[in-house]
Amino acid sequence: MTVTAKEHLPGLRALVPAGNAVVGIDLTDVEQAIVVTDDDARVLARLRLLCRAWVLPGKLRSS
């Protein structure tokens, strides 16, 4: 039986205290994706960068 992302949400919400945020980073070869969500898994910000993963720290510092 497969569990959907929606079914996982209550358990994930319990891990993140109210008022906190979660940052997710998806590293690929040439395109990096970053998302910031609140404790209810609502997307607060998204960012896509066309750069190599090792260039990402400098790009984040400048943004």
C-alpha atoms as a PDB file:
ATOM      1  CA  MET A   1       0.000   0.000   0.000  1.00  0.00           C
ATOM      2  CA  THR A   2       1.380   3.384  -0.997  1.00  0.00           C
ATOM      3  CA  VAL A   3       1.129   6.344   1.323  1.00  0.00           C
ATOM      4  CA  THR A   4       0.540   9.738  -0.241  1.00  0.00           C
ATOM      5  CA  ALA A   5       2.306  12.937   0.753  1.00  0.00           C
ATOM      6  CA  LYS A   6      -0.970  14.226   2.162  1.00  0.00           C
ATOM      7  CA  GLU A   7      -1.125  11.286   4.564  1.00  0.00           C
ATOM      8  CA  HIS A   8       2.427  12.024   5.769  1.00  0.00           C
ATOM      9  CA  LEU A   9       1.655  15.682   6.493  1.00  0.00           C
ATOM     10  CA  PRO A  10       0.306  15.320  10.079  1.00  0.00           C
ATOM     11  CA  GLY A  11       3.426  13.418  11.143  1.00  0.00           C
ATOM     12  CA  LEU A  12       5.707  15.958   9.498  1.00  0.00           C
ATOM     13  CA  ARG A  13       3.834  18.856  11.100  1.00  0.00           C
ATOM     14  CA  ALA A  14       4.423  17.317  14.513  1.00  0.00           C
ATOM     15  CA  LEU A  15       8.185  17.481  13.866  1.00  0.00           C
ATOM     16  CA  VAL A  16       8.224  21.217  13.118  1.00  0.00           C
ATOM     17  CA  PRO A  17       7.243  23.470  16.037  1.00  0.00           C
ATOM     18  CA  ALA A  18       4.751  26.264  15.281  1.00  0.00           C
ATOM     19  CA  GLY A  19       6.476  29.423  14.151  1.00  0.00           C
ATOM     20  CA  ASN A  20       9.426  27.603  12.589  1.00  0.00           C
ATOM     21  CA  ALA A  21      10.267  27.202   8.921  1.00  0.00           C
ATOM     22  CA  VAL A  22      11.720  24.368   6.871  1.00  0.00           C
ATOM     23  CA  VAL A  23      14.192  24.890   4.027  1.00  0.00           C
ATOM     24  CA  GLY A  24      14.456  22.216   1.366  1.00  0.00           C
ATOM     25  CA  ILE A  25      17.233  22.194  -1.236  1.00  0.00           C
ATOM     26  CA  ASP A  26      17.189  19.977  -4.325  1.00  0.00           C
ATOM     27  CA  LEU A  27      20.681  19.760  -5.817  1.00  0.00           C
ATOM     28  CA  THR A  28      21.029  18.649  -9.427  1.00  0.00           C
ATOM     29  CA  ASP A  29      23.816  19.001 -11.947  1.00  0.00           C
ATOM     30  CA  VAL A  30      23.029  22.492 -13.276  1.00  0.00           C
ATOM     31  CA  GLU A  31      19.733  23.651 -11.739  1.00  0.00           C
ATOM     32  CA  GLN A  32      19.235  24.073  -7.996  1.00  0.00           C
ATOM     33  CA  ALA A  33      15.827  24.469  -6.338  1.00  0.00           C
ATOM     34  CA  ILE A  34      15.188  25.883  -2.873  1.00  0.00           C
ATOM     35  CA  VAL A  35      11.864  26.095  -1.067  1.00  0.00           C
ATOM     36  CA  VAL A  36      10.957  27.568   2.332  1.00  0.00           C
ATOM     37  CA  THR A  37       7.773  26.326   4.037  1.00  0.00           C
ATOM     38  CA  ASP A  38       6.086  27.183   7.305  1.00  0.00           C
ATOM     39  CA  ASP A  39       5.012  24.716   9.994  1.00  0.00           C
ATOM     40  CA  ASP A  40       1.801  24.013   8.033  1.00  0.00           C
ATOM     41  CA  ALA A  41       3.763  23.072   4.880  1.00  0.00           C
ATOM     42  CA  ARG A  42       2.632  26.232   3.064  1.00  0.00           C
ATOM     43  CA  VAL A  43       5.244  27.449   0.623  1.00  0.00           C
ATOM     44  CA  LEU A  44       6.636  30.829   1.693  1.00  0.00           C
ATOM     45  CA  ALA A  45       9.355  31.192  -0.934  1.00  0.00           C
ATOM     46  CA  ARG A  46      10.780  29.382  -3.939  1.00  0.00           C
ATOM     47  CA  LEU A  47      14.047  29.948  -5.691  1.00  0.00           C
ATOM     48  CA  ARG A  48      15.548  28.290  -8.765  1.00  0.00           C
ATOM     49  CA  LEU A  49      19.154  28.900  -9.683  1.00  0.00           C
ATOM     50  CA  LEU A  50      20.969  27.837 -12.831  1.00  0.00           C
ATOM     51  CA  CYS A  51      24.378  27.027 -11.402  1.00  0.00           C
ATOM     52  CA  ARG A  52      26.462  24.104 -10.260  1.00  0.00           C
ATOM     53  CA  ALA A  53      25.921  22.884  -6.686  1.00  0.00           C
ATOM     54  CA  TRP A  54      29.326  24.098  -5.483  1.00  0.00           C
ATOM     55  CA  VAL A  55      28.485  27.673  -6.608  1.00  0.00           C
ATOM     56  CA  LEU A  56      25.281  27.698  -4.539  1.00  0.00           C
ATOM     57  CA  PRO A  57      26.711  28.997  -1.199  1.00  0.00           C
ATOM     58  CA  GLY A  58      28.033  32.160  -2.873  1.00  0.00           C
ATOM     59  CA  LYS A  59      24.769  32.709  -4.741  1.00  0.00           C
ATOM     60  CA  LEU A  60      22.739  32.350  -1.537  1.00  0.00           C
ATOM     61  CA  ARG A  61      24.963  34.805   0.342  1.00  0.00           C
ATOM     62  CA  SER A  62      24.443  37.405  -2.386  1.00  0.00           C
ATOM     63  CA  SER A  63      20.640  37.028  -2.520  1.00  0.00           C
END
